[in-house]
Amino acid sequence: MELSSIMSTQVASLQQTLQMSILDKTLNLGAEGTAKLLESMPEQPAASHPYKGTVIDVSV
């Protein structure tokens, strides 16, 4: 195998590794940002159930 072919293969491998590293860091930053956003949200009041606790007349 000639030198240029070996170098070409190594460059392609390096590019793939770099792309995967960048993608991994981007995903981590996205997850971190989402977690911070969820933590900063105000507390939501408990939603009442639409019919639980009410009396329903089922007599016919």
C-alpha atoms as a PDB file:
ATOM      1  CA  MET A   1       0.000   0.000   0.000  1.00  0.00           C
ATOM      2  CA  GLU A   2       1.457   3.356  -0.871  1.00  0.00           C
ATOM      3  CA  LEU A   3       1.946   6.206   1.571  1.00  0.00           C
ATOM      4  CA  SER A   4      -0.758   8.502   0.166  1.00  0.00           C
ATOM      5  CA  SER A   5      -3.343   5.734   0.456  1.00  0.00           C
ATOM      6  CA  ILE A   6      -2.388   5.080   4.087  1.00  0.00           C
ATOM      7  CA  MET A   7      -2.541   8.788   4.893  1.00  0.00           C
ATOM      8  CA  SER A   8      -5.889   9.119   3.151  1.00  0.00           C
ATOM      9  CA  THR A   9      -7.312   6.295   5.271  1.00  0.00           C
ATOM     10  CA  GLN A  10      -5.940   7.858   8.437  1.00  0.00           C
ATOM     11  CA  VAL A  11      -7.374  11.288   7.570  1.00  0.00           C
ATOM     12  CA  ALA A  12     -10.791   9.737   6.936  1.00  0.00           C
ATOM     13  CA  SER A  13     -10.606   7.944  10.285  1.00  0.00           C
ATOM     14  CA  LEU A  14      -9.567  11.153  12.041  1.00  0.00           C
ATOM     15  CA  GLN A  15     -12.449  13.069  10.441  1.00  0.00           C
ATOM     16  CA  GLN A  16     -14.939  10.447  11.603  1.00  0.00           C
ATOM     17  CA  THR A  17     -13.519  10.510  15.137  1.00  0.00           C
ATOM     18  CA  LEU A  18     -13.668  14.308  15.217  1.00  0.00           C
ATOM     19  CA  GLN A  19     -17.251  14.349  13.943  1.00  0.00           C
ATOM     20  CA  MET A  20     -18.303  11.827  16.582  1.00  0.00           C
ATOM     21  CA  SER A  21     -16.566  13.857  19.291  1.00  0.00           C
ATOM     22  CA  ILE A  22     -18.299  17.060  18.195  1.00  0.00           C
ATOM     23  CA  LEU A  23     -21.654  15.276  18.014  1.00  0.00           C
ATOM     24  CA  ASP A  24     -21.156  13.820  21.492  1.00  0.00           C
ATOM     25  CA  LYS A  25     -20.291  17.223  22.959  1.00  0.00           C
ATOM     26  CA  THR A  26     -23.266  18.824  21.209  1.00  0.00           C
ATOM     27  CA  LEU A  27     -25.647  16.200  22.582  1.00  0.00           C
ATOM     28  CA  ASN A  28     -24.224  16.642  26.083  1.00  0.00           C
ATOM     29  CA  LEU A  29     -24.649  20.412  25.892  1.00  0.00           C
ATOM     30  CA  GLY A  30     -28.212  19.966  24.628  1.00  0.00           C
ATOM     31  CA  ALA A  31     -29.073  17.587  27.461  1.00  0.00           C
ATOM     32  CA  GLU A  32     -27.442  19.898  29.998  1.00  0.00           C
ATOM     33  CA  GLY A  33     -29.374  22.887  28.669  1.00  0.00           C
ATOM     34  CA  THR A  34     -32.630  20.953  28.766  1.00  0.00           C
ATOM     35  CA  ALA A  35     -32.006  19.893  32.362  1.00  0.00           C
ATOM     36  CA  LYS A  36     -31.287  23.492  33.390  1.00  0.00           C
ATOM     37  CA  LEU A  37     -34.417  24.671  31.596  1.00  0.00           C
ATOM     38  CA  LEU A  38     -36.568  22.091  33.386  1.00  0.00           C
ATOM     39  CA  GLU A  39     -35.048  23.013  36.747  1.00  0.00           C
ATOM     40  CA  SER A  40     -35.719  26.709  36.179  1.00  0.00           C
ATOM     41  CA  MET A  41     -39.395  26.201  35.346  1.00  0.00           C
ATOM     42  CA  PRO A  42     -41.808  27.427  38.003  1.00  0.00           C
ATOM     43  CA  GLU A  43     -43.589  24.801  40.064  1.00  0.00           C
ATOM     44  CA  GLN A  44     -46.816  23.741  38.380  1.00  0.00           C
ATOM     45  CA  PRO A  45     -49.947  23.486  40.514  1.00  0.00           C
ATOM     46  CA  ALA A  46     -51.472  20.048  40.750  1.00  0.00           C
ATOM     47  CA  ALA A  47     -54.203  19.627  38.175  1.00  0.00           C
ATOM     48  CA  SER A  48     -57.549  18.528  39.496  1.00  0.00           C
ATOM     49  CA  HIS A  49     -59.067  15.371  38.115  1.00  0.00           C
ATOM     50  CA  PRO A  50     -61.989  16.138  35.760  1.00  0.00           C
ATOM     51  CA  TYR A  51     -64.500  13.900  37.562  1.00  0.00           C
ATOM     52  CA  LYS A  52     -62.827  12.234  40.543  1.00  0.00           C
ATOM     53  CA  GLY A  53     -64.509  13.269  43.795  1.00  0.00           C
ATOM     54  CA  THR A  54     -67.756  14.353  42.157  1.00  0.00           C
ATOM     55  CA  VAL A  55     -71.027  12.542  42.429  1.00  0.00           C
ATOM     56  CA  ILE A  56     -72.318  11.033  39.220  1.00  0.00           C
ATOM     57  CA  ASP A  57     -75.961   9.948  39.095  1.00  0.00           C
ATOM     58  CA  VAL A  58     -76.126   6.665  37.212  1.00  0.00           C
ATOM     59  CA  SER A  59     -79.701   5.773  38.151  1.00  0.00           C
ATOM     60  CA  VAL A  60     -82.044   5.291  35.271  1.00  0.00           C
END
